PDB file of N, CA and C in Angstrom:
ATOM      1  N   MET A   1     -34.852  -1.690  13.660  1.00  0.00           N
ATOM      2  CA  MET A   1     -33.092  -2.118  13.289  1.00  0.00           C
ATOM      3  C   MET A   1     -33.086  -3.402  13.260  1.00  0.00           C
ATOM      4  N   TYR A   2     -32.049  -4.089  12.414  1.00  0.00           N
ATOM      5  CA  TYR A   2     -31.610  -5.652  12.767  1.00  0.00           C
ATOM      6  C   TYR A   2     -30.716  -6.552  12.955  1.00  0.00           C
ATOM      7  N   VAL A   3     -31.498  -6.852  13.682  1.00  0.00           N
ATOM      8  CA  VAL A   3     -30.130  -7.933  14.696  1.00  0.00           C
ATOM      9  C   VAL A   3     -29.737  -9.209  14.163  1.00  0.00           C
ATOM     10  N   CYS A   4     -29.994  -9.714  13.818  1.00  0.00           N
ATOM     11  CA  CYS A   4     -30.227 -11.323  13.186  1.00  0.00           C
ATOM     12  C   CYS A   4     -30.375 -10.685  11.037  1.00  0.00           C
ATOM     13  N   ASN A   5     -28.677 -10.363  11.111  1.00  0.00           N
ATOM     14  CA  ASN A   5     -28.312  -9.968   9.613  1.00  0.00           C
ATOM     15  C   ASN A   5     -28.521 -11.138   8.780  1.00  0.00           C
ATOM     16  N   CYS A   6     -28.650 -12.602   9.392  1.00  0.00           N
ATOM     17  CA  CYS A   6     -28.728 -13.666   8.496  1.00  0.00           C
ATOM     18  C   CYS A   6     -29.890 -14.450   8.155  1.00  0.00           C
ATOM     19  N   ARG A   7     -30.855 -14.187   9.126  1.00  0.00           N
ATOM     20  CA  ARG A   7     -32.241 -14.321   8.800  1.00  0.00           C
ATOM     21  C   ARG A   7     -33.352 -13.049   9.109  1.00  0.00           C
ATOM     22  N   GLY A   8     -32.380 -12.094   8.944  1.00  0.00           N
ATOM     23  CA  GLY A   8     -33.243 -10.891   8.801  1.00  0.00           C
ATOM     24  C   GLY A   8     -34.486 -10.394  10.189  1.00  0.00           C
ATOM     25  N   VAL A   9     -33.832 -10.551  10.923  1.00  0.00           N
ATOM     26  CA  VAL A   9     -35.031 -10.732  12.182  1.00  0.00           C
ATOM     27  C   VAL A   9     -34.552  -9.074  12.991  1.00  0.00           C
ATOM     28  N   THR A  10     -35.847  -8.224  13.477  1.00  0.00           N
ATOM     29  CA  THR A  10     -35.399  -7.228  13.841  1.00  0.00           C
ATOM     30  C   THR A  10     -35.881  -7.077  15.202  1.00  0.00           C
ATOM     31  N   ASP A  11     -34.722  -6.229  16.023  1.00  0.00           N
ATOM     32  CA  ASP A  11     -35.713  -5.506  17.750  1.00  0.00           C
ATOM     33  C   ASP A  11     -37.044  -6.014  17.352  1.00  0.00           C
ATOM     34  N   GLN A  12     -37.780  -5.399  16.501  1.00  0.00           N
ATOM     35  CA  GLN A  12     -38.961  -5.504  16.511  1.00  0.00           C
ATOM     36  C   GLN A  12     -39.545  -6.600  16.410  1.00  0.00           C
ATOM     37  N   ASP A  13     -39.062  -7.751  16.114  1.00  0.00           N
ATOM     38  CA  ASP A  13     -39.424  -8.954  15.444  1.00  0.00           C
ATOM     39  C   ASP A  13     -39.352  -9.647  17.029  1.00  0.00           C
ATOM     40  N   ILE A  14     -38.177  -9.451  17.859  1.00  0.00           N
ATOM     41  CA  ILE A  14     -37.705 -10.453  19.041  1.00  0.00           C
ATOM     42  C   ILE A  14     -38.360  -9.487  19.898  1.00  0.00           C
ATOM     43  N   ARG A  15     -38.716  -8.307  19.752  1.00  0.00           N
ATOM     44  CA  ARG A  15     -40.200  -7.575  20.863  1.00  0.00           C
ATOM     45  C   ARG A  15     -41.730  -8.289  20.846  1.00  0.00           C
ATOM     46  N   ASN A  16     -41.792  -8.227  19.264  1.00  0.00           N
ATOM     47  CA  ASN A  16     -43.093  -9.079  19.368  1.00  0.00           C
ATOM     48  C   ASN A  16     -43.290 -11.105  20.072  1.00  0.00           C
ATOM     49  N   ALA A  17     -41.511 -11.371  19.790  1.00  0.00           N
ATOM     50  CA  ALA A  17     -42.003 -12.939  20.337  1.00  0.00           C
ATOM     51  C   ALA A  17     -42.192 -12.529  21.766  1.00  0.00           C
ATOM     52  N   ALA A  18     -41.769 -11.617  22.279  1.00  0.00           N
ATOM     53  CA  ALA A  18     -41.878 -11.759  23.605  1.00  0.00           C
ATOM     54  C   ALA A  18     -42.931 -11.289  23.991  1.00  0.00           C
ATOM     55  N   TYR A  19     -43.768 -10.464  23.817  1.00  0.00           N
ATOM     56  CA  TYR A  19     -45.424 -10.608  23.605  1.00  0.00           C
ATOM     57  C   TYR A  19     -46.017 -11.118  23.521  1.00  0.00           C
ATOM     58  N   ASP A  20     -45.546 -12.093  22.583  1.00  0.00           N
ATOM     59  CA  ASP A  20     -46.169 -13.495  22.625  1.00  0.00           C
ATOM     60  C   ASP A  20     -46.101 -14.366  23.505  1.00  0.00           C
ATOM     61  N   GLY A  21     -44.909 -14.942  24.628  1.00  0.00           N
ATOM     62  CA  GLY A  21     -44.861 -15.855  25.354  1.00  0.00           C
ATOM     63  C   GLY A  21     -43.564 -15.587  25.268  1.00  0.00           C
ATOM     64  N   VAL A  22     -42.196 -15.600  24.167  1.00  0.00           N
ATOM     65  CA  VAL A  22     -41.547 -15.890  24.131  1.00  0.00           C
ATOM     66  C   VAL A  22     -39.620 -15.836  25.507  1.00  0.00           C
ATOM     67  N   THR A  23     -39.924 -16.392  26.016  1.00  0.00           N
ATOM     68  CA  THR A  23     -38.985 -16.078  26.872  1.00  0.00           C
ATOM     69  C   THR A  23     -36.911 -16.220  27.014  1.00  0.00           C
ATOM     70  N   ASN A  24     -36.830 -17.022  26.137  1.00  0.00           N
ATOM     71  CA  ASN A  24     -35.716 -17.415  26.229  1.00  0.00           C
ATOM     72  C   ASN A  24     -34.692 -17.356  24.673  1.00  0.00           C
ATOM     73  N   LEU A  25     -33.643 -17.816  24.792  1.00  0.00           N
ATOM     74  CA  LEU A  25     -33.656 -17.502  23.327  1.00  0.00           C
ATOM     75  C   LEU A  25     -33.446 -18.857  22.755  1.00  0.00           C
ATOM     76  N   ARG A  26     -33.761 -19.736  22.994  1.00  0.00           N
ATOM     77  CA  ARG A  26     -34.312 -21.305  22.482  1.00  0.00           C
ATOM     78  C   ARG A  26     -35.720 -20.802  21.655  1.00  0.00           C
ATOM     79  N   SER A  27     -36.252 -20.265  22.727  1.00  0.00           N
ATOM     80  CA  SER A  27     -37.980 -20.208  21.956  1.00  0.00           C
ATOM     81  C   SER A  27     -37.537 -19.892  20.577  1.00  0.00           C
ATOM     82  N   LEU A  28     -36.753 -18.075  21.120  1.00  0.00           N
ATOM     83  CA  LEU A  28     -36.415 -16.794  20.129  1.00  0.00           C
ATOM     84  C   LEU A  28     -35.802 -17.694  18.347  1.00  0.00           C
ATOM     85  N   ARG A  29     -34.975 -18.698  19.044  1.00  0.00           N
ATOM     86  CA  ARG A  29     -34.479 -19.149  17.669  1.00  0.00           C
ATOM     87  C   ARG A  29     -35.951 -19.841  17.172  1.00  0.00           C
ATOM     88  N   LYS A  30     -36.598 -20.305  17.742  1.00  0.00           N
ATOM     89  CA  LYS A  30     -37.511 -21.438  17.128  1.00  0.00           C
ATOM     90  C   LYS A  30     -38.681 -20.331  16.670  1.00  0.00           C
ATOM     91  N   CYS A  31     -38.824 -19.349  16.896  1.00  0.00           N
ATOM     92  CA  CYS A  31     -39.961 -18.194  16.869  1.00  0.00           C
ATOM     93  C   CYS A  31     -39.436 -17.495  15.488  1.00  0.00           C
ATOM     94  N   THR A  32     -38.231 -17.338  15.984  1.00  0.00           N
ATOM     95  CA  THR A  32     -37.910 -15.668  14.400  1.00  0.00           C
ATOM     96  C   THR A  32     -36.557 -17.014  13.369  1.00  0.00           C
ATOM     97  N   GLY A  33     -35.966 -17.705  14.352  1.00  0.00           N
ATOM     98  CA  GLY A  33     -34.890 -18.054  13.439  1.00  0.00           C
ATOM     99  C   GLY A  33     -33.767 -17.315  13.758  1.00  0.00           C
ATOM    100  N   ALA A  34     -34.086 -16.448  14.972  1.00  0.00           N
ATOM    101  CA  ALA A  34     -32.606 -15.187  14.864  1.00  0.00           C
ATOM    102  C   ALA A  34     -31.869 -16.332  15.994  1.00  0.00           C
ATOM    103  N   THR A  35     -30.521 -16.066  15.389  1.00  0.00           N
ATOM    104  CA  THR A  35     -28.822 -16.951  15.788  1.00  0.00           C
ATOM    105  C   THR A  35     -29.010 -18.683  15.792  1.00  0.00           C
ATOM    106  N   GLY A  36     -29.653 -18.215  14.565  1.00  0.00           N
ATOM    107  CA  GLY A  36     -29.700 -19.990  14.524  1.00  0.00           C
ATOM    108  C   GLY A  36     -28.950 -20.159  13.260  1.00  0.00           C
ATOM    109  N   GLN A  37     -28.104 -18.976  12.349  1.00  0.00           N
ATOM    110  CA  GLN A  37     -26.441 -19.742  12.075  1.00  0.00           C
ATOM    111  C   GLN A  37     -26.030 -19.639  12.143  1.00  0.00           C
ATOM    112  N   CYS A  38     -24.900 -18.019  12.290  1.00  0.00           N
ATOM    113  CA  CYS A  38     -23.680 -17.683  12.710  1.00  0.00           C
ATOM    114  C   CYS A  38     -23.850 -17.536  14.004  1.00  0.00           C
ATOM    115  N   GLY A  39     -24.962 -17.145  14.758  1.00  0.00           N
ATOM    116  CA  GLY A  39     -24.975 -17.412  16.199  1.00  0.00           C
ATOM    117  C   GLY A  39     -23.976 -15.637  16.693  1.00  0.00           C
ATOM    118  N   LYS A  40     -23.698 -14.823  15.627  1.00  0.00           N
ATOM    119  CA  LYS A  40     -22.900 -13.493  15.986  1.00  0.00           C
ATOM    120  C   LYS A  40     -24.059 -12.187  17.061  1.00  0.00           C
ATOM    121  N   CYS A  41     -25.168 -12.657  16.519  1.00  0.00           N
ATOM    122  CA  CYS A  41     -26.472 -11.929  16.947  1.00  0.00           C
ATOM    123  C   CYS A  41     -26.465 -12.212  18.932  1.00  0.00           C
ATOM    124  N   ALA A  42     -26.707 -13.304  19.024  1.00  0.00           N
ATOM    125  CA  ALA A  42     -26.593 -14.161  20.625  1.00  0.00           C
ATOM    126  C   ALA A  42     -26.889 -12.916  21.205  1.00  0.00           C
ATOM    127  N   PRO A  43     -25.553 -12.681  21.665  1.00  0.00           N
ATOM    128  CA  PRO A  43     -25.875 -11.358  22.868  1.00  0.00           C
ATOM    129  C   PRO A  43     -26.814 -10.255  22.485  1.00  0.00           C
ATOM    130  N   HIS A  44     -26.798  -9.482  21.598  1.00  0.00           N
ATOM    131  CA  HIS A  44     -28.163  -8.642  21.047  1.00  0.00           C
ATOM    132  C   HIS A  44     -29.488  -9.140  21.215  1.00  0.00           C
ATOM    133  N   ALA A  45     -29.928 -10.022  20.719  1.00  0.00           N
ATOM    134  CA  ALA A  45     -31.040 -10.650  20.636  1.00  0.00           C
ATOM    135  C   ALA A  45     -31.351 -11.151  21.887  1.00  0.00           C
ATOM    136  N   ASN A  46     -30.096 -11.454  22.967  1.00  0.00           N
ATOM    137  CA  ASN A  46     -30.084 -11.334  24.240  1.00  0.00           C
ATOM    138  C   ASN A  46     -31.026 -10.270  24.757  1.00  0.00           C
ATOM    139  N   ALA A  47     -30.245  -9.386  24.776  1.00  0.00           N
ATOM    140  CA  ALA A  47     -30.468  -8.254  24.892  1.00  0.00           C
ATOM    141  C   ALA A  47     -31.505  -7.407  24.695  1.00  0.00           C
ATOM    142  N   VAL A  48     -32.309  -8.084  23.653  1.00  0.00           N
ATOM    143  CA  VAL A  48     -33.093  -7.061  23.757  1.00  0.00           C
ATOM    144  C   VAL A  48     -34.357  -7.324  24.294  1.00  0.00           C
ATOM    145  N   LEU A  49     -34.530  -9.216  24.199  1.00  0.00           N
ATOM    146  CA  LEU A  49     -34.752  -9.967  24.629  1.00  0.00           C
ATOM    147  C   LEU A  49     -35.064  -9.549  26.177  1.00  0.00           C
ATOM    148  N   LYS A  50     -34.487  -9.482  26.708  1.00  0.00           N
ATOM    149  CA  LYS A  50     -34.922  -9.363  28.023  1.00  0.00           C
ATOM    150  C   LYS A  50     -35.017  -7.905  28.674  1.00  0.00           C
ATOM    151  N   GLU A  51     -34.567  -6.770  27.986  1.00  0.00           N
ATOM    152  CA  GLU A  51     -34.865  -5.582  27.889  1.00  0.00           C
ATOM    153  C   GLU A  51     -36.154  -5.079  27.735  1.00  0.00           C
ATOM    154  N   THR A  52     -36.737  -6.386  26.858  1.00  0.00           N
ATOM    155  CA  THR A  52     -38.754  -5.891  26.627  1.00  0.00           C
ATOM    156  C   THR A  52     -39.505  -6.891  27.716  1.00  0.00           C
ATOM    157  N   LEU A  53     -38.779  -8.097  28.043  1.00  0.00           N
ATOM    158  CA  LEU A  53     -39.075  -9.038  29.655  1.00  0.00           C
ATOM    159  C   LEU A  53     -39.168  -8.376  30.570  1.00  0.00           C
ATOM    160  N   GLU A  54     -38.770  -7.118  30.784  1.00  0.00           N
ATOM    161  CA  GLU A  54     -38.169  -6.001  32.108  1.00  0.00           C
ATOM    162  C   GLU A  54     -39.462  -5.138  32.015  1.00  0.00           C
ATOM    163  N   ASP A  55     -39.532  -4.970  30.628  1.00  0.00           N
ATOM    164  CA  ASP A  55     -40.300  -3.765  30.553  1.00  0.00           C
ATOM    165  C   ASP A  55     -42.130  -4.241  30.082  1.00  0.00           C
ATOM    166  N   LEU A  56     -41.809  -5.445  30.429  1.00  0.00           N
ATOM    167  CA  LEU A  56     -43.559  -6.662  31.030  1.00  0.00           C
ATOM    168  C   LEU A  56     -43.357  -6.650  32.088  1.00  0.00           C
ATOM    169  N   ASN A  57     -42.524  -6.289  33.220  1.00  0.00           N
ATOM    170  CA  ASN A  57     -42.316  -6.601  34.762  1.00  0.00           C
ATOM    171  C   ASN A  57     -42.031  -8.129  34.597  1.00  0.00           C
ATOM    172  N   CYS A  58     -41.174  -9.220  33.812  1.00  0.00           N
ATOM    173  CA  CYS A  58     -41.069 -10.315  34.077  1.00  0.00           C
ATOM    174  C   CYS A  58     -39.995 -10.715  34.617  1.00  0.00           C
ATOM    175  N   TYR A  59     -39.226  -9.651  35.395  1.00  0.00           N
ATOM    176  CA  TYR A  59     -38.332 -10.250  35.760  1.00  0.00           C
ATOM    177  C   TYR A  59     -38.376  -9.697  37.205  1.00  0.00           C
ATOM    178  N   ASP A  60     -38.290 -10.605  39.235  1.00  0.00           N
ATOM    179  CA  ASP A  60     -38.414 -10.319  40.073  1.00  0.00           C
ATOM    180  C   ASP A  60     -36.648  -8.858  40.273  1.00  0.00           C
ATOM    181  N   ALA A  61     -36.934  -8.288  41.414  1.00  0.00           N
ATOM    182  CA  ALA A  61     -35.705  -7.444  41.590  1.00  0.00           C
ATOM    183  C   ALA A  61     -34.478  -7.550  41.481  1.00  0.00           C
ATOM    184  N   ILE A  62     -34.382  -8.977  41.940  1.00  0.00           N
ATOM    185  CA  ILE A  62     -32.957  -9.506  42.081  1.00  0.00           C
ATOM    186  C   ILE A  62     -32.387 -10.318  40.168  1.00  0.00           C
ATOM    187  N   GLY A  63     -32.967  -9.790  39.336  1.00  0.00           N
ATOM    188  CA  GLY A  63     -32.807 -10.062  37.990  1.00  0.00           C
ATOM    189  C   GLY A  63     -33.645 -11.414  37.579  1.00  0.00           C
ATOM    190  N   SER A  64     -34.010 -12.462  37.916  1.00  0.00           N
ATOM    191  CA  SER A  64     -34.713 -13.446  37.880  1.00  0.00           C
ATOM    192  C   SER A  64     -35.961 -13.561  37.621  1.00  0.00           C
ATOM    193  N   LEU A  65     -36.276 -14.469  36.182  1.00  0.00           N
ATOM    194  CA  LEU A  65     -37.025 -14.781  35.610  1.00  0.00           C
ATOM    195  C   LEU A  65     -38.434 -14.654  36.066  1.00  0.00           C
ATOM    196  N   SER A  66     -39.564 -14.088  36.311  1.00  0.00           N
ATOM    197  CA  SER A  66     -40.831 -14.670  37.297  1.00  0.00           C
ATOM    198  C   SER A  66     -42.170 -14.292  36.601  1.00  0.00           C
ATOM    199  N   TYR A  67     -42.722 -15.268  36.048  1.00  0.00           N
ATOM    200  CA  TYR A  67     -43.619 -15.365  35.298  1.00  0.00           C
ATOM    201  C   TYR A  67     -44.727 -15.025  35.608  1.00  0.00           C
ATOM    202  N   ALA A  68     -45.091 -13.753  35.666  1.00  0.00           N
ATOM    203  CA  ALA A  68     -46.104 -12.673  36.052  1.00  0.00           C
ATOM    204  C   ALA A  68     -48.147 -12.875  34.871  1.00  0.00           C
TER     205      ALA A  68
END
């Protein structure tokens, strides 16, 4: 599913970026271009990124990012 229509970035693109080490929106923007034009996709892009990082066990029990 497209998350960023302006740049043509899908949820899978965001997941792949997370698998490659992206951990925040700034890095995601540099890697994929998502959130780089109108910015309306930022909340959804961030949610997909966070969900993927949680799946990768990068978040500890209190929700802080930990680089495991």
